[in-house]
């Protein structure tokens, strides 16, 4: 059974993504994260507590990047997992995601 994924607020425009990002958990995160960008110019999401991810997790980050742009905000991603980074690099998505290694 997959870890329940969740996003936790850590301050104004700062969030931590936790748990397993998979086809089973990402739909709920898409619904839950729908208002992350309201009234923000920059949103930072730290992925340090992501335990595992498949391509659905990367699709979530791409969708959040699109939503941020629609709201006139920037999405900064911190501590992306090596697994997600490898998928992003192979697919060329690393060029559209704002990845911050630290």
PDB file of N, CA and C in Angstrom:
ATOM      1  N   UNK A   1       0.842  -1.185   0.000  1.00  0.00           N
ATOM      2  CA  UNK A   1       0.000   0.000   0.000  1.00  0.00           C
ATOM      3  C   UNK A   1       0.886   1.248   0.000  1.00  0.00           C
ATOM      4  N   UNK A   2       0.539   2.221  -0.800  1.00  0.00           N
ATOM      5  CA  UNK A   2       1.337   3.442  -0.940  1.00  0.00           C
ATOM      6  C   UNK A   2       1.179   4.342   0.279  1.00  0.00           C
ATOM      7  N   UNK A   3       2.290   5.035   0.612  1.00  0.00           N
ATOM      8  CA  UNK A   3       2.215   6.064   1.653  1.00  0.00           C
ATOM      9  C   UNK A   3       1.271   7.145   1.175  1.00  0.00           C
ATOM     10  N   UNK A   4       0.427   7.634   2.075  1.00  0.00           N
ATOM     11  CA  UNK A   4      -0.437   8.750   1.705  1.00  0.00           C
ATOM     12  C   UNK A   4       0.441   9.973   1.489  1.00  0.00           C
ATOM     13  N   UNK A   5       0.329  10.565   0.348  1.00  0.00           N
ATOM     14  CA  UNK A   5       1.102  11.768   0.045  1.00  0.00           C
ATOM     15  C   UNK A   5       0.334  12.982   0.547  1.00  0.00           C
ATOM     16  N   UNK A   6       1.076  14.003   0.944  1.00  0.00           N
ATOM     17  CA  UNK A   6       0.429  15.225   1.423  1.00  0.00           C
ATOM     18  C   UNK A   6       1.370  16.392   1.188  1.00  0.00           C
ATOM     19  N   UNK A   7       0.783  17.575   1.201  1.00  0.00           N
ATOM     20  CA  UNK A   7       1.573  18.794   1.109  1.00  0.00           C
ATOM     21  C   UNK A   7       1.304  19.599   2.373  1.00  0.00           C
ATOM     22  N   UNK A   8       2.389  20.040   3.000  1.00  0.00           N
ATOM     23  CA  UNK A   8       2.284  20.768   4.257  1.00  0.00           C
ATOM     24  C   UNK A   8       2.805  22.184   4.082  1.00  0.00           C
ATOM     25  N   UNK A   9       2.043  23.148   4.597  1.00  0.00           N
ATOM     26  CA  UNK A   9       2.463  24.555   4.549  1.00  0.00           C
ATOM     27  C   UNK A   9       3.546  24.775   5.595  1.00  0.00           C
ATOM     28  N   UNK A  10       4.619  25.462   5.198  1.00  0.00           N
ATOM     29  CA  UNK A  10       5.718  25.755   6.108  1.00  0.00           C
ATOM     30  C   UNK A  10       6.005  27.243   6.205  1.00  0.00           C
ATOM     31  N   UNK A  11       5.062  28.038   5.769  1.00  0.00           N
ATOM     32  CA  UNK A  11       5.229  29.479   5.797  1.00  0.00           C
ATOM     33  C   UNK A  11       4.578  30.071   4.569  1.00  0.00           C
ATOM     34  N   UNK A  12       4.687  31.370   4.440  1.00  0.00           N
ATOM     35  CA  UNK A  12       4.075  32.063   3.298  1.00  0.00           C
ATOM     36  C   UNK A  12       4.752  31.609   2.006  1.00  0.00           C
ATOM     37  N   UNK A  13       4.013  30.906   1.167  1.00  0.00           N
ATOM     38  CA  UNK A  13       4.534  30.446  -0.114  1.00  0.00           C
ATOM     39  C   UNK A  13       5.537  29.316  -0.014  1.00  0.00           C
ATOM     40  N   UNK A  14       5.645  28.674   1.144  1.00  0.00           N
ATOM     41  CA  UNK A  14       6.603  27.580   1.333  1.00  0.00           C
ATOM     42  C   UNK A  14       5.861  26.309   1.760  1.00  0.00           C
ATOM     43  N   UNK A  15       6.177  25.211   1.084  1.00  0.00           N
ATOM     44  CA  UNK A  15       5.504  23.947   1.327  1.00  0.00           C
ATOM     45  C   UNK A  15       6.510  22.808   1.306  1.00  0.00           C
ATOM     46  N   UNK A  16       6.150  21.709   1.970  1.00  0.00           N
ATOM     47  CA  UNK A  16       6.924  20.472   1.920  1.00  0.00           C
ATOM     48  C   UNK A  16       5.991  19.380   1.397  1.00  0.00           C
ATOM     49  N   UNK A  17       6.467  18.665   0.403  1.00  0.00           N
ATOM     50  CA  UNK A  17       5.728  17.544  -0.167  1.00  0.00           C
ATOM     51  C   UNK A  17       6.228  16.276   0.515  1.00  0.00           C
ATOM     52  N   UNK A  18       5.318  15.447   1.007  1.00  0.00           N
ATOM     53  CA  UNK A  18       5.678  14.273   1.802  1.00  0.00           C
ATOM     54  C   UNK A  18       5.021  13.018   1.240  1.00  0.00           C
ATOM     55  N   UNK A  19       5.697  11.886   1.407  1.00  0.00           N
ATOM     56  CA  UNK A  19       5.119  10.597   1.058  1.00  0.00           C
ATOM     57  C   UNK A  19       5.500  10.138  -0.330  1.00  0.00           C
ATOM     58  N   UNK A  20       4.719   9.205  -0.825  1.00  0.00           N
ATOM     59  CA  UNK A  20       4.972   8.576  -2.120  1.00  0.00           C
ATOM     60  C   UNK A  20       4.149   9.247  -3.213  1.00  0.00           C
ATOM     61  N   UNK A  21       4.822   9.653  -4.281  1.00  0.00           N
ATOM     62  CA  UNK A  21       4.141  10.262  -5.426  1.00  0.00           C
ATOM     63  C   UNK A  21       3.975   9.189  -6.490  1.00  0.00           C
ATOM     64  N   UNK A  22       2.737   8.792  -6.706  1.00  0.00           N
ATOM     65  CA  UNK A  22       2.454   7.714  -7.647  1.00  0.00           C
ATOM     66  C   UNK A  22       1.106   7.981  -8.323  1.00  0.00           C
ATOM     67  N   UNK A  23       0.765   7.101  -9.253  1.00  0.00           N
ATOM     68  CA  UNK A  23      -0.521   7.228  -9.921  1.00  0.00           C
ATOM     69  C   UNK A  23      -1.674   7.127  -8.923  1.00  0.00           C
ATOM     70  N   UNK A  24      -1.443   6.475  -7.780  1.00  0.00           N
ATOM     71  CA  UNK A  24      -2.482   6.342  -6.761  1.00  0.00           C
ATOM     72  C   UNK A  24      -2.628   7.597  -5.902  1.00  0.00           C
ATOM     73  N   UNK A  25      -1.535   8.353  -5.688  1.00  0.00           N
ATOM     74  CA  UNK A  25      -1.574   9.478  -4.754  1.00  0.00           C
ATOM     75  C   UNK A  25      -1.624  10.854  -5.402  1.00  0.00           C
ATOM     76  N   UNK A  26      -1.165  10.961  -6.631  1.00  0.00           N
ATOM     77  CA  UNK A  26      -1.072  12.272  -7.288  1.00  0.00           C
ATOM     78  C   UNK A  26      -2.429  12.934  -7.534  1.00  0.00           C
ATOM     79  N   UNK A  27      -3.490  12.225  -7.919  1.00  0.00           N
ATOM     80  CA  UNK A  27      -4.766  12.914  -8.147  1.00  0.00           C
ATOM     81  C   UNK A  27      -5.242  13.717  -6.934  1.00  0.00           C
ATOM     82  N   UNK A  28      -5.094  13.168  -5.739  1.00  0.00           N
ATOM     83  CA  UNK A  28      -5.505  13.904  -4.536  1.00  0.00           C
ATOM     84  C   UNK A  28      -4.633  15.139  -4.339  1.00  0.00           C
ATOM     85  N   UNK A  29      -3.341  15.026  -4.624  1.00  0.00           N
ATOM     86  CA  UNK A  29      -2.449  16.181  -4.495  1.00  0.00           C
ATOM     87  C   UNK A  29      -2.803  17.265  -5.509  1.00  0.00           C
ATOM     88  N   UNK A  30      -3.211  16.873  -6.696  1.00  0.00           N
ATOM     89  CA  UNK A  30      -3.639  17.858  -7.694  1.00  0.00           C
ATOM     90  C   UNK A  30      -4.835  18.644  -7.180  1.00  0.00           C
ATOM     91  N   UNK A  31      -5.794  17.951  -6.587  1.00  0.00           N
ATOM     92  CA  UNK A  31      -6.972  18.636  -6.028  1.00  0.00           C
ATOM     93  C   UNK A  31      -6.571  19.504  -4.837  1.00  0.00           C
ATOM     94  N   UNK A  32      -5.758  18.950  -3.957  1.00  0.00           N
ATOM     95  CA  UNK A  32      -5.348  19.648  -2.743  1.00  0.00           C
ATOM     96  C   UNK A  32      -4.481  20.871  -3.047  1.00  0.00           C
ATOM     97  N   UNK A  33      -3.657  20.761  -4.067  1.00  0.00           N
ATOM     98  CA  UNK A  33      -2.722  21.837  -4.387  1.00  0.00           C
ATOM     99  C   UNK A  33      -3.278  22.888  -5.320  1.00  0.00           C
ATOM    100  N   UNK A  34      -4.555  22.841  -5.609  1.00  0.00           N
ATOM    101  CA  UNK A  34      -5.151  23.764  -6.554  1.00  0.00           C
ATOM    102  C   UNK A  34      -5.055  25.230  -6.177  1.00  0.00           C
ATOM    103  N   UNK A  35      -4.885  25.527  -4.899  1.00  0.00           N
ATOM    104  CA  UNK A  35      -4.835  26.932  -4.487  1.00  0.00           C
ATOM    105  C   UNK A  35      -3.462  27.361  -3.962  1.00  0.00           C
ATOM    106  N   UNK A  36      -2.434  26.590  -4.240  1.00  0.00           N
ATOM    107  CA  UNK A  36      -1.082  26.932  -3.782  1.00  0.00           C
ATOM    108  C   UNK A  36      -0.623  28.301  -4.270  1.00  0.00           C
ATOM    109  N   UNK A  37      -1.065  28.689  -5.437  1.00  0.00           N
ATOM    110  CA  UNK A  37      -0.504  29.853  -6.106  1.00  0.00           C
ATOM    111  C   UNK A  37      -1.342  31.119  -5.969  1.00  0.00           C
ATOM    112  N   UNK A  38      -2.498  31.001  -5.329  1.00  0.00           N
ATOM    113  CA  UNK A  38      -3.367  32.166  -5.147  1.00  0.00           C
ATOM    114  C   UNK A  38      -2.648  33.254  -4.358  1.00  0.00           C
ATOM    115  N   UNK A  39      -2.508  34.411  -4.955  1.00  0.00           N
ATOM    116  CA  UNK A  39      -1.913  35.557  -4.277  1.00  0.00           C
ATOM    117  C   UNK A  39      -0.415  35.476  -4.058  1.00  0.00           C
ATOM    118  N   UNK A  40       0.255  34.520  -4.683  1.00  0.00           N
ATOM    119  CA  UNK A  40       1.699  34.349  -4.491  1.00  0.00           C
ATOM    120  C   UNK A  40       2.468  34.779  -5.743  1.00  0.00           C
ATOM    121  N   UNK A  41       3.663  35.315  -5.556  1.00  0.00           N
ATOM    122  CA  UNK A  41       4.548  35.579  -6.693  1.00  0.00           C
ATOM    123  C   UNK A  41       5.576  34.472  -6.835  1.00  0.00           C
ATOM    124  N   UNK A  42       5.880  33.800  -5.717  1.00  0.00           N
ATOM    125  CA  UNK A  42       6.779  32.650  -5.747  1.00  0.00           C
ATOM    126  C   UNK A  42       6.303  31.624  -4.732  1.00  0.00           C
ATOM    127  N   UNK A  43       6.301  30.371  -5.153  1.00  0.00           N
ATOM    128  CA  UNK A  43       5.968  29.259  -4.278  1.00  0.00           C
ATOM    129  C   UNK A  43       7.150  28.297  -4.310  1.00  0.00           C
ATOM    130  N   UNK A  44       7.616  27.912  -3.129  1.00  0.00           N
ATOM    131  CA  UNK A  44       8.708  26.953  -3.016  1.00  0.00           C
ATOM    132  C   UNK A  44       8.159  25.655  -2.454  1.00  0.00           C
ATOM    133  N   UNK A  45       8.435  24.569  -3.146  1.00  0.00           N
ATOM    134  CA  UNK A  45       8.016  23.249  -2.685  1.00  0.00           C
ATOM    135  C   UNK A  45       9.280  22.424  -2.453  1.00  0.00           C
ATOM    136  N   UNK A  46       9.454  21.972  -1.217  1.00  0.00           N
ATOM    137  CA  UNK A  46      10.593  21.143  -0.838  1.00  0.00           C
ATOM    138  C   UNK A  46      10.169  19.683  -0.933  1.00  0.00           C
ATOM    139  N   UNK A  47      10.945  18.900  -1.644  1.00  0.00           N
ATOM    140  CA  UNK A  47      10.619  17.486  -1.857  1.00  0.00           C
ATOM    141  C   UNK A  47      11.447  16.554  -0.970  1.00  0.00           C
ATOM    142  N   UNK A  48      12.042  17.096   0.079  1.00  0.00           N
ATOM    143  CA  UNK A  48      12.949  16.303   0.921  1.00  0.00           C
ATOM    144  C   UNK A  48      12.261  15.116   1.583  1.00  0.00           C
ATOM    145  N   UNK A  49      10.957  15.175   1.783  1.00  0.00           N
ATOM    146  CA  UNK A  49      10.239  14.094   2.457  1.00  0.00           C
ATOM    147  C   UNK A  49       9.475  13.186   1.494  1.00  0.00           C
ATOM    148  N   UNK A  50       9.788  13.264   0.204  1.00  0.00           N
ATOM    149  CA  UNK A  50       9.196  12.351  -0.770  1.00  0.00           C
ATOM    150  C   UNK A  50       9.935  11.018  -0.638  1.00  0.00           C
ATOM    151  N   UNK A  51       9.188   9.959  -0.398  1.00  0.00           N
ATOM    152  CA  UNK A  51       9.806   8.649  -0.178  1.00  0.00           C
ATOM    153  C   UNK A  51      10.040   7.881  -1.468  1.00  0.00           C
ATOM    154  N   UNK A  52       9.221   8.117  -2.480  1.00  0.00           N
ATOM    155  CA  UNK A  52       9.347   7.444  -3.770  1.00  0.00           C
ATOM    156  C   UNK A  52       8.510   8.209  -4.778  1.00  0.00           C
ATOM    157  N   UNK A  53       8.902   8.127  -6.034  1.00  0.00           N
ATOM    158  CA  UNK A  53       8.110   8.786  -7.074  1.00  0.00           C
ATOM    159  C   UNK A  53       8.232   8.023  -8.381  1.00  0.00           C
ATOM    160  N   UNK A  54       7.154   8.037  -9.138  1.00  0.00           N
ATOM    161  CA  UNK A  54       7.204   7.535 -10.507  1.00  0.00           C
ATOM    162  C   UNK A  54       6.895   8.714 -11.430  1.00  0.00           C
ATOM    163  N   UNK A  55       6.605   8.444 -12.675  1.00  0.00           N
ATOM    164  CA  UNK A  55       6.377   9.526 -13.628  1.00  0.00           C
ATOM    165  C   UNK A  55       5.164  10.382 -13.262  1.00  0.00           C
ATOM    166  N   UNK A  56       4.240   9.850 -12.496  1.00  0.00           N
ATOM    167  CA  UNK A  56       3.083  10.639 -12.062  1.00  0.00           C
ATOM    168  C   UNK A  56       3.530  11.794 -11.168  1.00  0.00           C
ATOM    169  N   UNK A  57       4.540  11.563 -10.336  1.00  0.00           N
ATOM    170  CA  UNK A  57       5.072  12.632  -9.483  1.00  0.00           C
ATOM    171  C   UNK A  57       5.657  13.750 -10.315  1.00  0.00           C
ATOM    172  N   UNK A  58       6.360  13.392 -11.355  1.00  0.00           N
ATOM    173  CA  UNK A  58       6.933  14.409 -12.245  1.00  0.00           C
ATOM    174  C   UNK A  58       5.819  15.148 -12.991  1.00  0.00           C
ATOM    175  N   UNK A  59       4.789  14.428 -13.402  1.00  0.00           N
ATOM    176  CA  UNK A  59       3.646  15.074 -14.060  1.00  0.00           C
ATOM    177  C   UNK A  59       2.977  16.080 -13.127  1.00  0.00           C
ATOM    178  N   UNK A  60       2.917  15.765 -11.836  1.00  0.00           N
ATOM    179  CA  UNK A  60       2.369  16.687 -10.850  1.00  0.00           C
ATOM    180  C   UNK A  60       3.172  17.988 -10.831  1.00  0.00           C
ATOM    181  N   UNK A  61       4.484  17.880 -10.823  1.00  0.00           N
ATOM    182  CA  UNK A  61       5.340  19.073 -10.791  1.00  0.00           C
ATOM    183  C   UNK A  61       5.198  19.897 -12.061  1.00  0.00           C
ATOM    184  N   UNK A  62       5.051  19.230 -13.189  1.00  0.00           N
ATOM    185  CA  UNK A  62       4.835  19.946 -14.452  1.00  0.00           C
ATOM    186  C   UNK A  62       3.501  20.691 -14.411  1.00  0.00           C
ATOM    187  N   UNK A  63       2.466  20.035 -13.907  1.00  0.00           N
ATOM    188  CA  UNK A  63       1.150  20.678 -13.813  1.00  0.00           C
ATOM    189  C   UNK A  63       1.186  21.856 -12.850  1.00  0.00           C
ATOM    190  N   UNK A  64       1.850  21.700 -11.711  1.00  0.00           N
ATOM    191  CA  UNK A  64       1.968  22.820 -10.781  1.00  0.00           C
ATOM    192  C   UNK A  64       2.760  23.971 -11.391  1.00  0.00           C
ATOM    193  N   UNK A  65       3.752  23.659 -12.213  1.00  0.00           N
ATOM    194  CA  UNK A  65       4.508  24.708 -12.907  1.00  0.00           C
ATOM    195  C   UNK A  65       3.583  25.475 -13.847  1.00  0.00           C
ATOM    196  N   UNK A  66       2.730  24.747 -14.563  1.00  0.00           N
ATOM    197  CA  UNK A  66       1.766  25.377 -15.471  1.00  0.00           C
ATOM    198  C   UNK A  66       0.786  26.255 -14.690  1.00  0.00           C
ATOM    199  N   UNK A  67       0.277  25.736 -13.574  1.00  0.00           N
ATOM    200  CA  UNK A  67      -0.664  26.499 -12.756  1.00  0.00           C
ATOM    201  C   UNK A  67      -0.006  27.756 -12.184  1.00  0.00           C
ATOM    202  N   UNK A  68       1.232  27.631 -11.767  1.00  0.00           N
ATOM    203  CA  UNK A  68       1.950  28.797 -11.238  1.00  0.00           C
ATOM    204  C   UNK A  68       2.026  29.888 -12.301  1.00  0.00           C
ATOM    205  N   UNK A  69       2.399  29.509 -13.507  1.00  0.00           N
ATOM    206  CA  UNK A  69       2.499  30.487 -14.598  1.00  0.00           C
ATOM    207  C   UNK A  69       1.155  31.146 -14.868  1.00  0.00           C
ATOM    208  N   UNK A  70       0.085  30.365 -14.825  1.00  0.00           N
ATOM    209  CA  UNK A  70      -1.257  30.922 -15.032  1.00  0.00           C
ATOM    210  C   UNK A  70      -1.594  31.968 -13.974  1.00  0.00           C
ATOM    211  N   UNK A  71      -1.060  31.807 -12.773  1.00  0.00           N
ATOM    212  CA  UNK A  71      -1.308  32.744 -11.671  1.00  0.00           C
ATOM    213  C   UNK A  71      -0.247  33.841 -11.593  1.00  0.00           C
ATOM    214  N   UNK A  72       0.678  33.866 -12.561  1.00  0.00           N
ATOM    215  CA  UNK A  72       1.736  34.870 -12.545  1.00  0.00           C
ATOM    216  C   UNK A  72       2.772  34.628 -11.465  1.00  0.00           C
ATOM    217  N   UNK A  73       2.908  33.387 -11.041  1.00  0.00           N
ATOM    218  CA  UNK A  73       3.848  33.028  -9.974  1.00  0.00           C
ATOM    219  C   UNK A  73       4.961  32.140 -10.533  1.00  0.00           C
ATOM    220  N   UNK A  74       5.993  31.984  -9.739  1.00  0.00           N
ATOM    221  CA  UNK A  74       7.097  31.089 -10.053  1.00  0.00           C
ATOM    222  C   UNK A  74       7.070  29.942  -9.056  1.00  0.00           C
ATOM    223  N   UNK A  75       7.254  28.728  -9.548  1.00  0.00           N
ATOM    224  CA  UNK A  75       7.363  27.551  -8.685  1.00  0.00           C
ATOM    225  C   UNK A  75       8.826  27.148  -8.619  1.00  0.00           C
ATOM    226  N   UNK A  76       9.370  27.097  -7.400  1.00  0.00           N
ATOM    227  CA  UNK A  76      10.747  26.654  -7.182  1.00  0.00           C
ATOM    228  C   UNK A  76      10.689  25.315  -6.466  1.00  0.00           C
ATOM    229  N   UNK A  77      11.404  24.336  -6.990  1.00  0.00           N
ATOM    230  CA  UNK A  77      11.426  22.995  -6.418  1.00  0.00           C
ATOM    231  C   UNK A  77      12.777  22.748  -5.768  1.00  0.00           C
ATOM    232  N   UNK A  78      12.758  22.346  -4.515  1.00  0.00           N
ATOM    233  CA  UNK A  78      13.987  22.070  -3.769  1.00  0.00           C
ATOM    234  C   UNK A  78      14.075  20.577  -3.435  1.00  0.00           C
ATOM    235  N   UNK A  79      15.302  20.088  -3.382  1.00  0.00           N
ATOM    236  CA  UNK A  79      15.576  18.715  -2.944  1.00  0.00           C
ATOM    237  C   UNK A  79      14.815  17.666  -3.746  1.00  0.00           C
ATOM    238  N   UNK A  80      14.803  17.830  -5.061  1.00  0.00           N
ATOM    239  CA  UNK A  80      14.156  16.826  -5.902  1.00  0.00           C
ATOM    240  C   UNK A  80      14.916  15.507  -5.751  1.00  0.00           C
ATOM    241  N   UNK A  81      14.181  14.410  -5.700  1.00  0.00           N
ATOM    242  CA  UNK A  81      14.811  13.110  -5.502  1.00  0.00           C
ATOM    243  C   UNK A  81      15.647  12.749  -6.732  1.00  0.00           C
ATOM    244  N   UNK A  82      16.724  11.996  -6.544  1.00  0.00           N
ATOM    245  CA  UNK A  82      17.539  11.574  -7.690  1.00  0.00           C
ATOM    246  C   UNK A  82      16.715  10.850  -8.750  1.00  0.00           C
ATOM    247  N   UNK A  83      15.754  10.052  -8.311  1.00  0.00           N
ATOM    248  CA  UNK A  83      14.882   9.322  -9.226  1.00  0.00           C
ATOM    249  C   UNK A  83      14.081  10.287 -10.102  1.00  0.00           C
ATOM    250  N   UNK A  84      13.485  11.307  -9.490  1.00  0.00           N
ATOM    251  CA  UNK A  84      12.700  12.280 -10.245  1.00  0.00           C
ATOM    252  C   UNK A  84      13.604  13.102 -11.157  1.00  0.00           C
ATOM    253  N   UNK A  85      14.777  13.469 -10.668  1.00  0.00           N
ATOM    254  CA  UNK A  85      15.714  14.248 -11.477  1.00  0.00           C
ATOM    255  C   UNK A  85      16.131  13.473 -12.717  1.00  0.00           C
ATOM    256  N   UNK A  86      16.400  12.185 -12.558  1.00  0.00           N
ATOM    257  CA  UNK A  86      16.789  11.351 -13.702  1.00  0.00           C
ATOM    258  C   UNK A  86      15.674  11.293 -14.742  1.00  0.00           C
ATOM    259  N   UNK A  87      14.437  11.115 -14.298  1.00  0.00           N
ATOM    260  CA  UNK A  87      13.293  11.076 -15.226  1.00  0.00           C
ATOM    261  C   UNK A  87      13.155  12.434 -15.923  1.00  0.00           C
ATOM    262  N   UNK A  88      13.301  13.519 -15.170  1.00  0.00           N
ATOM    263  CA  UNK A  88      13.185  14.863 -15.748  1.00  0.00           C
ATOM    264  C   UNK A  88      14.271  15.098 -16.791  1.00  0.00           C
ATOM    265  N   UNK A  89      15.490  14.667 -16.517  1.00  0.00           N
ATOM    266  CA  UNK A  89      16.592  14.881 -17.453  1.00  0.00           C
ATOM    267  C   UNK A  89      16.415  14.053 -18.720  1.00  0.00           C
ATOM    268  N   UNK A  90      16.017  12.801 -18.582  1.00  0.00           N
ATOM    269  CA  UNK A  90      15.819  11.930 -19.740  1.00  0.00           C
ATOM    270  C   UNK A  90      14.704  12.463 -20.634  1.00  0.00           C
ATOM    271  N   UNK A  91      13.653  13.003 -20.013  1.00  0.00           N
ATOM    272  CA  UNK A  91      12.496  13.478 -20.783  1.00  0.00           C
ATOM    273  C   UNK A  91      12.620  14.929 -21.235  1.00  0.00           C
ATOM    274  N   UNK A  92      13.682  15.620 -20.784  1.00  0.00           N
ATOM    275  CA  UNK A  92      13.865  17.022 -21.146  1.00  0.00           C
ATOM    276  C   UNK A  92      13.047  17.979 -20.298  1.00  0.00           C
ATOM    277  N   UNK A  93      12.346  17.464 -19.289  1.00  0.00           N
ATOM    278  CA  UNK A  93      11.512  18.320 -18.456  1.00  0.00           C
ATOM    279  C   UNK A  93      12.321  19.169 -17.483  1.00  0.00           C
ATOM    280  N   UNK A  94      13.581  18.823 -17.272  1.00  0.00           N
ATOM    281  CA  UNK A  94      14.428  19.628 -16.386  1.00  0.00           C
ATOM    282  C   UNK A  94      14.600  21.047 -16.909  1.00  0.00           C
ATOM    283  N   UNK A  95      14.381  21.239 -18.209  1.00  0.00           N
ATOM    284  CA  UNK A  95      14.508  22.580 -18.798  1.00  0.00           C
ATOM    285  C   UNK A  95      13.303  23.467 -18.511  1.00  0.00           C
ATOM    286  N   UNK A  96      12.156  22.883 -18.158  1.00  0.00           N
ATOM    287  CA  UNK A  96      10.983  23.718 -17.870  1.00  0.00           C
ATOM    288  C   UNK A  96      10.660  23.791 -16.388  1.00  0.00           C
ATOM    289  N   UNK A  97      11.226  22.901 -15.595  1.00  0.00           N
ATOM    290  CA  UNK A  97      11.002  22.934 -14.153  1.00  0.00           C
ATOM    291  C   UNK A  97      12.080  23.798 -13.489  1.00  0.00           C
ATOM    292  N   UNK A  98      11.702  24.567 -12.502  1.00  0.00           N
ATOM    293  CA  UNK A  98      12.663  25.383 -11.750  1.00  0.00           C
ATOM    294  C   UNK A  98      13.217  24.540 -10.622  1.00  0.00           C
ATOM    295  N   UNK A  99      14.304  23.835 -10.898  1.00  0.00           N
ATOM    296  CA  UNK A  99      14.894  22.918  -9.928  1.00  0.00           C
ATOM    297  C   UNK A  99      16.000  23.617  -9.171  1.00  0.00           C
ATOM    298  N   UNK A 100      15.907  23.548  -7.867  1.00  0.00           N
ATOM    299  CA  UNK A 100      16.947  24.074  -6.994  1.00  0.00           C
ATOM    300  C   UNK A 100      17.433  22.898  -6.184  1.00  0.00           C
ATOM    301  N   UNK A 101      18.682  22.513  -6.368  1.00  0.00           N
ATOM    302  CA  UNK A 101      19.224  21.314  -5.762  1.00  0.00           C
ATOM    303  C   UNK A 101      19.230  21.344  -4.247  1.00  0.00           C
ATOM    304  N   UNK A 102      19.260  22.527  -3.602  1.00  0.00           N
ATOM    305  CA  UNK A 102      19.395  22.620  -2.146  1.00  0.00           C
ATOM    306  C   UNK A 102      18.079  22.969  -1.517  1.00  0.00           C
TER     307      UNK A 102
END
